[in-house]
Amino acid sequence: MPRPYLSAEVEQQIRQAAKHRCGYCLSPQHLVMARLEIEHIIPLAKGGSSEPDNLWLACPLCNRYKADKTEALDPQTGQITPLFNPRTQNWFSHFRWSEDGLRIIGLTAVGRVTVTALHLADDPDALIVRSYWVMVGWHPPQE
């Protein structure tokens, strides 16, 4: 499916609203070697739109894992639960960083399914990169 056109103005508004960081893993644009992507919170394939209220930033890794997912099975309760919505939900209400700053831990059902679906705690490349960020004091983000 071809990607709908987004004006430069809308793209800039989304980047600013997202504070130039991934809505899922909080990786900031200035530390990610690839351009953060505009992602559809509800994917076009699932009936989502390209209206700004359905768009946010995601790093390429999170965006690839998310793909067209909107929900997943909570590993703790076995219930189907919606994924985290970075536009409307507060990250720190659903997640926290592990003591070493490398892994994202889900605090709620929404957090747990998002951690599992997007591999926020176990992607080997993300863990290596975060370890370097931690060593130089750039990670984890505090707000």
N, C-alpha and C. Protein backbone atom coordinates (compact mmCIF):
# COMPACT_ATOMS: atom_id res chain seq x y z
N MET A 1 0.84 -1.18 0.00
CA MET A 1 0.00 0.00 0.00
C MET A 1 0.88 1.23 0.00
N PRO A 2 0.68 2.16 -0.95
CA PRO A 2 1.52 3.36 -0.98
C PRO A 2 1.28 4.24 0.24
N ARG A 3 2.36 4.83 0.71
CA ARG A 3 2.26 5.70 1.89
C ARG A 3 1.59 7.01 1.51
N PRO A 4 0.56 7.41 2.26
CA PRO A 4 -0.11 8.69 1.97
C PRO A 4 0.85 9.87 2.15
N TYR A 5 0.65 10.88 1.35
CA TYR A 5 1.47 12.07 1.42
C TYR A 5 1.18 12.82 2.72
N LEU A 6 2.24 13.24 3.39
CA LEU A 6 2.12 14.11 4.57
C LEU A 6 2.88 15.39 4.25
N SER A 7 2.26 16.49 4.50
CA SER A 7 2.95 17.76 4.25
C SER A 7 4.11 17.91 5.23
N ALA A 8 5.08 18.68 4.84
CA ALA A 8 6.24 18.95 5.70
C ALA A 8 5.78 19.60 7.01
N GLU A 9 4.75 20.42 6.93
CA GLU A 9 4.23 21.09 8.13
C GLU A 9 3.65 20.07 9.12
N VAL A 10 2.84 19.14 8.62
CA VAL A 10 2.25 18.12 9.49
C VAL A 10 3.35 17.23 10.07
N GLU A 11 4.30 16.84 9.25
CA GLU A 11 5.39 16.01 9.74
C GLU A 11 6.16 16.73 10.84
N GLN A 12 6.45 18.00 10.66
CA GLN A 12 7.17 18.77 11.68
C GLN A 12 6.35 18.89 12.96
N GLN A 13 5.05 19.09 12.83
CA GLN A 13 4.18 19.17 14.01
C GLN A 13 4.24 17.87 14.82
N ILE A 14 4.21 16.74 14.11
CA ILE A 14 4.26 15.44 14.79
C ILE A 14 5.61 15.25 15.46
N ARG A 15 6.68 15.59 14.77
CA ARG A 15 8.02 15.45 15.35
C ARG A 15 8.16 16.31 16.61
N GLN A 16 7.65 17.52 16.57
CA GLN A 16 7.73 18.39 17.74
C GLN A 16 6.86 17.87 18.88
N ALA A 17 5.65 17.44 18.57
CA ALA A 17 4.75 16.92 19.61
C ALA A 17 5.36 15.68 20.29
N ALA A 18 6.07 14.87 19.50
CA ALA A 18 6.70 13.65 20.03
C ALA A 18 8.05 13.95 20.68
N LYS A 19 8.44 15.19 20.71
CA LYS A 19 9.72 15.62 21.29
C LYS A 19 10.91 14.94 20.60
N HIS A 20 10.74 14.67 19.31
CA HIS A 20 11.80 14.10 18.48
C HIS A 20 12.34 12.79 19.05
N ARG A 21 11.42 11.96 19.56
CA ARG A 21 11.83 10.65 20.07
C ARG A 21 10.75 9.61 19.78
N CYS A 22 11.16 8.36 19.77
CA CYS A 22 10.25 7.25 19.52
C CYS A 22 9.20 7.20 20.64
N GLY A 23 7.96 7.04 20.26
CA GLY A 23 6.89 6.98 21.25
C GLY A 23 6.89 5.71 22.07
N TYR A 24 7.61 4.69 21.64
CA TYR A 24 7.59 3.39 22.30
C TYR A 24 8.83 3.13 23.15
N CYS A 25 10.02 3.35 22.60
CA CYS A 25 11.25 3.08 23.35
C CYS A 25 11.94 4.37 23.81
N LEU A 26 11.39 5.51 23.43
CA LEU A 26 11.90 6.83 23.81
C LEU A 26 13.28 7.16 23.23
N SER A 27 13.74 6.41 22.25
CA SER A 27 15.03 6.73 21.63
C SER A 27 14.94 8.08 20.94
N PRO A 28 15.84 9.01 21.28
CA PRO A 28 15.80 10.34 20.68
C PRO A 28 16.44 10.37 19.30
N GLN A 29 15.90 11.23 18.45
CA GLN A 29 16.41 11.34 17.08
C GLN A 29 17.91 11.60 17.04
N HIS A 30 18.42 12.41 17.94
CA HIS A 30 19.85 12.76 17.87
C HIS A 30 20.77 11.58 18.21
N LEU A 31 20.22 10.48 18.74
CA LEU A 31 21.05 9.30 19.01
C LEU A 31 20.78 8.14 18.06
N VAL A 32 19.72 8.23 17.30
CA VAL A 32 19.36 7.15 16.37
C VAL A 32 19.96 7.45 15.01
N MET A 33 20.63 6.47 14.43
CA MET A 33 21.32 6.71 13.16
C MET A 33 20.38 6.74 11.96
N ALA A 34 19.14 6.35 12.14
CA ALA A 34 18.15 6.41 11.07
C ALA A 34 17.11 7.47 11.44
N ARG A 35 16.46 7.98 10.45
CA ARG A 35 15.41 8.97 10.69
C ARG A 35 14.23 8.30 11.38
N LEU A 36 13.75 8.90 12.47
CA LEU A 36 12.54 8.39 13.10
C LEU A 36 11.40 8.49 12.10
N GLU A 37 10.53 7.49 12.11
CA GLU A 37 9.48 7.38 11.12
C GLU A 37 8.14 7.84 11.67
N ILE A 38 7.34 8.42 10.78
CA ILE A 38 5.96 8.74 11.15
C ILE A 38 5.19 7.44 11.05
N GLU A 39 4.59 7.02 12.15
CA GLU A 39 3.86 5.77 12.14
C GLU A 39 2.38 6.00 12.41
N HIS A 40 1.58 5.07 11.93
CA HIS A 40 0.13 5.10 12.15
C HIS A 40 -0.17 4.30 13.41
N ILE A 41 -0.71 4.96 14.41
CA ILE A 41 -1.04 4.26 15.66
C ILE A 41 -2.03 3.15 15.36
N ILE A 42 -3.11 3.47 14.67
CA ILE A 42 -3.99 2.45 14.11
C ILE A 42 -3.58 2.36 12.64
N PRO A 43 -2.99 1.25 12.25
CA PRO A 43 -2.47 1.13 10.89
C PRO A 43 -3.54 1.30 9.82
N LEU A 44 -3.11 1.79 8.67
CA LEU A 44 -4.04 1.93 7.55
C LEU A 44 -4.71 0.59 7.24
N ALA A 45 -3.96 -0.50 7.35
CA ALA A 45 -4.49 -1.83 7.07
C ALA A 45 -5.61 -2.23 8.03
N LYS A 46 -5.69 -1.54 9.18
CA LYS A 46 -6.74 -1.84 10.17
C LYS A 46 -7.78 -0.72 10.22
N GLY A 47 -7.80 0.13 9.18
CA GLY A 47 -8.81 1.18 9.11
C GLY A 47 -8.38 2.51 9.67
N GLY A 48 -7.13 2.64 10.05
CA GLY A 48 -6.64 3.91 10.57
C GLY A 48 -6.49 4.93 9.45
N SER A 49 -6.34 6.17 9.85
CA SER A 49 -6.22 7.26 8.88
C SER A 49 -4.84 7.88 8.96
N SER A 50 -4.59 8.79 8.03
CA SER A 50 -3.35 9.56 8.07
C SER A 50 -3.58 10.95 8.65
N GLU A 51 -4.64 11.08 9.42
CA GLU A 51 -4.90 12.33 10.12
C GLU A 51 -3.88 12.46 11.26
N PRO A 52 -3.48 13.68 11.58
CA PRO A 52 -2.45 13.87 12.61
C PRO A 52 -2.75 13.18 13.95
N ASP A 53 -4.01 13.06 14.33
CA ASP A 53 -4.31 12.44 15.63
C ASP A 53 -4.09 10.92 15.62
N ASN A 54 -3.74 10.34 14.47
CA ASN A 54 -3.42 8.92 14.38
C ASN A 54 -1.94 8.71 14.04
N LEU A 55 -1.15 9.74 14.10
CA LEU A 55 0.26 9.66 13.72
C LEU A 55 1.16 9.98 14.90
N TRP A 56 2.32 9.33 14.93
CA TRP A 56 3.32 9.61 15.96
C TRP A 56 4.66 9.19 15.42
N LEU A 57 5.71 9.39 16.19
CA LEU A 57 7.05 8.98 15.78
C LEU A 57 7.40 7.61 16.36
N ALA A 58 8.11 6.85 15.57
CA ALA A 58 8.64 5.57 16.04
C ALA A 58 10.00 5.36 15.39
N CYS A 59 10.90 4.76 16.15
CA CYS A 59 12.18 4.40 15.55
C CYS A 59 11.92 3.26 14.57
N PRO A 60 12.80 3.07 13.61
CA PRO A 60 12.58 1.99 12.64
C PRO A 60 12.40 0.62 13.28
N LEU A 61 13.14 0.35 14.36
CA LEU A 61 13.03 -0.95 15.02
C LEU A 61 11.63 -1.16 15.62
N CYS A 62 11.16 -0.20 16.39
CA CYS A 62 9.82 -0.32 16.98
C CYS A 62 8.74 -0.35 15.90
N ASN A 63 8.90 0.47 14.89
CA ASN A 63 7.90 0.52 13.83
C ASN A 63 7.81 -0.82 13.09
N ARG A 64 8.95 -1.46 12.86
CA ARG A 64 8.94 -2.76 12.17
C ARG A 64 8.28 -3.84 13.03
N TYR A 65 8.60 -3.84 14.32
CA TYR A 65 7.98 -4.83 15.20
C TYR A 65 6.48 -4.57 15.34
N LYS A 66 6.09 -3.32 15.41
CA LYS A 66 4.67 -3.01 15.58
C LYS A 66 3.89 -3.40 14.34
N ALA A 67 4.42 -3.08 13.16
CA ALA A 67 3.78 -3.43 11.88
C ALA A 67 2.31 -3.03 11.93
N ASP A 68 1.39 -3.97 11.76
CA ASP A 68 -0.04 -3.63 11.77
C ASP A 68 -0.72 -4.05 13.07
N LYS A 69 0.06 -4.28 14.12
CA LYS A 69 -0.53 -4.68 15.40
C LYS A 69 -1.23 -3.51 16.09
N THR A 70 -2.34 -3.80 16.71
CA THR A 70 -3.05 -2.82 17.55
C THR A 70 -3.31 -3.39 18.94
N GLU A 71 -3.15 -4.70 19.08
CA GLU A 71 -3.38 -5.37 20.36
C GLU A 71 -2.56 -6.64 20.39
N ALA A 72 -2.44 -7.21 21.60
CA ALA A 72 -1.69 -8.44 21.76
C ALA A 72 -2.16 -9.13 23.03
N LEU A 73 -1.68 -10.33 23.22
CA LEU A 73 -2.04 -11.13 24.38
C LEU A 73 -1.16 -10.74 25.56
N ASP A 74 -1.79 -10.36 26.67
CA ASP A 74 -1.04 -10.02 27.88
C ASP A 74 -0.42 -11.30 28.44
N PRO A 75 0.90 -11.35 28.56
CA PRO A 75 1.55 -12.57 29.04
C PRO A 75 1.18 -12.92 30.48
N GLN A 76 0.70 -11.96 31.25
CA GLN A 76 0.36 -12.21 32.65
C GLN A 76 -1.08 -12.68 32.81
N THR A 77 -2.02 -12.08 32.09
CA THR A 77 -3.43 -12.41 32.28
C THR A 77 -4.02 -13.27 31.17
N GLY A 78 -3.35 -13.31 30.02
CA GLY A 78 -3.88 -14.05 28.89
C GLY A 78 -4.99 -13.31 28.15
N GLN A 79 -5.23 -12.06 28.50
CA GLN A 79 -6.28 -11.25 27.87
C GLN A 79 -5.72 -10.47 26.68
N ILE A 80 -6.53 -10.33 25.63
CA ILE A 80 -6.18 -9.47 24.51
C ILE A 80 -6.28 -8.03 25.00
N THR A 81 -5.21 -7.27 24.79
CA THR A 81 -5.11 -5.91 25.32
C THR A 81 -4.56 -4.99 24.25
N PRO A 82 -5.10 -3.76 24.15
CA PRO A 82 -4.57 -2.81 23.17
C PRO A 82 -3.11 -2.46 23.47
N LEU A 83 -2.36 -2.17 22.40
CA LEU A 83 -1.00 -1.67 22.55
C LEU A 83 -1.04 -0.24 23.08
N PHE A 84 0.07 0.19 23.62
CA PHE A 84 0.26 1.55 24.10
C PHE A 84 0.04 2.55 22.98
N ASN A 85 -0.66 3.63 23.29
CA ASN A 85 -0.88 4.72 22.34
C ASN A 85 -0.04 5.91 22.80
N PRO A 86 1.10 6.17 22.15
CA PRO A 86 1.98 7.24 22.61
C PRO A 86 1.38 8.64 22.45
N ARG A 87 0.36 8.77 21.66
CA ARG A 87 -0.27 10.08 21.49
C ARG A 87 -1.18 10.42 22.67
N THR A 88 -1.83 9.42 23.26
CA THR A 88 -2.83 9.70 24.29
C THR A 88 -2.49 9.17 25.66
N GLN A 89 -1.49 8.29 25.77
CA GLN A 89 -1.16 7.71 27.06
C GLN A 89 0.23 8.16 27.51
N ASN A 90 0.40 8.22 28.82
CA ASN A 90 1.68 8.63 29.40
C ASN A 90 2.61 7.43 29.52
N TRP A 91 3.80 7.55 28.92
CA TRP A 91 4.76 6.45 28.91
C TRP A 91 5.07 5.95 30.32
N PHE A 92 5.33 6.87 31.24
CA PHE A 92 5.75 6.49 32.58
C PHE A 92 4.63 5.91 33.43
N SER A 93 3.40 5.97 32.95
CA SER A 93 2.29 5.29 33.63
C SER A 93 2.24 3.82 33.26
N HIS A 94 2.85 3.45 32.16
CA HIS A 94 2.77 2.08 31.66
C HIS A 94 4.10 1.33 31.64
N PHE A 95 5.21 2.08 31.75
CA PHE A 95 6.53 1.47 31.63
C PHE A 95 7.49 2.08 32.65
N ARG A 96 8.56 1.35 32.87
CA ARG A 96 9.71 1.89 33.61
C ARG A 96 10.95 1.24 33.03
N TRP A 97 12.10 1.81 33.35
CA TRP A 97 13.38 1.25 32.90
C TRP A 97 13.88 0.27 33.94
N SER A 98 14.53 -0.78 33.50
CA SER A 98 15.19 -1.71 34.42
C SER A 98 16.30 -0.94 35.15
N GLU A 99 16.76 -1.49 36.24
CA GLU A 99 17.80 -0.82 37.05
C GLU A 99 19.03 -0.47 36.23
N ASP A 100 19.39 -1.33 35.28
CA ASP A 100 20.58 -1.06 34.46
C ASP A 100 20.29 -0.13 33.28
N GLY A 101 19.03 0.26 33.11
CA GLY A 101 18.65 1.19 32.05
C GLY A 101 18.57 0.58 30.66
N LEU A 102 18.66 -0.74 30.56
CA LEU A 102 18.69 -1.37 29.24
C LEU A 102 17.33 -1.86 28.76
N ARG A 103 16.50 -2.30 29.68
CA ARG A 103 15.24 -2.92 29.30
C ARG A 103 14.05 -2.08 29.75
N ILE A 104 13.01 -2.13 28.94
CA ILE A 104 11.76 -1.49 29.30
C ILE A 104 10.88 -2.54 29.94
N ILE A 105 10.30 -2.20 31.07
CA ILE A 105 9.45 -3.12 31.83
C ILE A 105 8.03 -2.59 31.79
N GLY A 106 7.08 -3.44 31.44
CA GLY A 106 5.68 -3.06 31.42
C GLY A 106 5.10 -3.09 32.82
N LEU A 107 4.43 -2.01 33.20
CA LEU A 107 3.83 -1.91 34.54
C LEU A 107 2.35 -2.26 34.54
N THR A 108 1.73 -2.19 33.38
CA THR A 108 0.29 -2.42 33.24
C THR A 108 0.09 -3.45 32.13
N ALA A 109 -1.14 -3.88 31.94
CA ALA A 109 -1.43 -4.79 30.83
C ALA A 109 -1.02 -4.16 29.51
N VAL A 110 -1.35 -2.90 29.32
CA VAL A 110 -0.96 -2.19 28.10
C VAL A 110 0.56 -2.18 27.96
N GLY A 111 1.25 -1.90 29.03
CA GLY A 111 2.72 -1.90 29.00
C GLY A 111 3.29 -3.27 28.69
N ARG A 112 2.75 -4.29 29.34
CA ARG A 112 3.27 -5.65 29.12
C ARG A 112 3.09 -6.11 27.68
N VAL A 113 1.90 -5.87 27.11
CA VAL A 113 1.69 -6.34 25.73
C VAL A 113 2.57 -5.56 24.76
N THR A 114 2.78 -4.29 25.03
CA THR A 114 3.62 -3.47 24.14
C THR A 114 5.07 -3.91 24.23
N VAL A 115 5.56 -4.17 25.45
CA VAL A 115 6.93 -4.66 25.62
C VAL A 115 7.12 -5.96 24.85
N THR A 116 6.17 -6.86 24.96
CA THR A 116 6.27 -8.15 24.29
C THR A 116 6.18 -7.99 22.77
N ALA A 117 5.16 -7.29 22.30
CA ALA A 117 4.93 -7.17 20.85
C ALA A 117 6.05 -6.43 20.14
N LEU A 118 6.61 -5.41 20.79
CA LEU A 118 7.65 -4.59 20.15
C LEU A 118 9.06 -4.98 20.58
N HIS A 119 9.18 -6.06 21.37
CA HIS A 119 10.49 -6.56 21.81
C HIS A 119 11.30 -5.47 22.51
N LEU A 120 10.64 -4.70 23.36
CA LEU A 120 11.29 -3.57 24.02
C LEU A 120 12.29 -3.99 25.10
N ALA A 121 12.23 -5.24 25.51
CA ALA A 121 13.14 -5.70 26.56
C ALA A 121 14.15 -6.73 26.07
N ASP A 122 14.03 -7.16 24.81
CA ASP A 122 14.89 -8.27 24.43
C ASP A 122 15.52 -8.17 23.04
N ASP A 123 15.34 -7.07 22.34
CA ASP A 123 15.99 -6.97 21.04
C ASP A 123 17.50 -6.79 21.26
N PRO A 124 18.32 -7.70 20.74
CA PRO A 124 19.76 -7.63 21.04
C PRO A 124 20.43 -6.36 20.54
N ASP A 125 20.04 -5.87 19.37
CA ASP A 125 20.65 -4.64 18.86
C ASP A 125 20.31 -3.45 19.75
N ALA A 126 19.05 -3.36 20.16
CA ALA A 126 18.64 -2.25 21.03
C ALA A 126 19.38 -2.31 22.37
N LEU A 127 19.54 -3.51 22.91
CA LEU A 127 20.23 -3.64 24.20
C LEU A 127 21.69 -3.20 24.11
N ILE A 128 22.35 -3.56 23.03
CA ILE A 128 23.75 -3.16 22.85
C ILE A 128 23.86 -1.64 22.74
N VAL A 129 23.03 -1.05 21.90
CA VAL A 129 23.09 0.40 21.71
C VAL A 129 22.76 1.12 23.01
N ARG A 130 21.70 0.68 23.70
CA ARG A 130 21.35 1.32 24.98
C ARG A 130 22.49 1.19 25.98
N SER A 131 23.22 0.08 25.96
CA SER A 131 24.32 -0.09 26.92
C SER A 131 25.39 0.98 26.70
N TYR A 132 25.64 1.33 25.45
CA TYR A 132 26.60 2.40 25.17
C TYR A 132 26.06 3.75 25.64
N TRP A 133 24.77 3.98 25.39
CA TRP A 133 24.16 5.24 25.83
C TRP A 133 24.23 5.37 27.35
N VAL A 134 24.00 4.26 28.06
CA VAL A 134 24.07 4.26 29.52
C VAL A 134 25.49 4.58 29.97
N MET A 135 26.49 3.96 29.33
CA MET A 135 27.90 4.17 29.72
C MET A 135 28.30 5.63 29.66
N VAL A 136 27.78 6.38 28.69
CA VAL A 136 28.17 7.78 28.56
C VAL A 136 27.18 8.74 29.23
N GLY A 137 26.16 8.18 29.89
CA GLY A 137 25.22 9.00 30.65
C GLY A 137 24.10 9.62 29.84
N TRP A 138 23.82 9.10 28.67
CA TRP A 138 22.74 9.64 27.83
C TRP A 138 21.42 8.92 28.03
N HIS A 139 21.42 7.89 28.83
CA HIS A 139 20.25 7.03 28.93
C HIS A 139 20.20 6.44 30.34
N PRO A 140 19.04 6.15 30.88
CA PRO A 140 17.70 6.27 30.30
C PRO A 140 17.13 7.67 30.45
N PRO A 141 16.17 8.00 29.59
CA PRO A 141 15.54 9.32 29.71
C PRO A 141 14.74 9.42 31.00
N GLN A 142 14.70 10.60 31.56
CA GLN A 142 14.03 10.80 32.86
C GLN A 142 12.62 11.36 32.71
N GLU A 143 12.28 11.87 31.54
CA GLU A 143 10.94 12.45 31.38
C GLU A 143 10.33 12.10 30.08
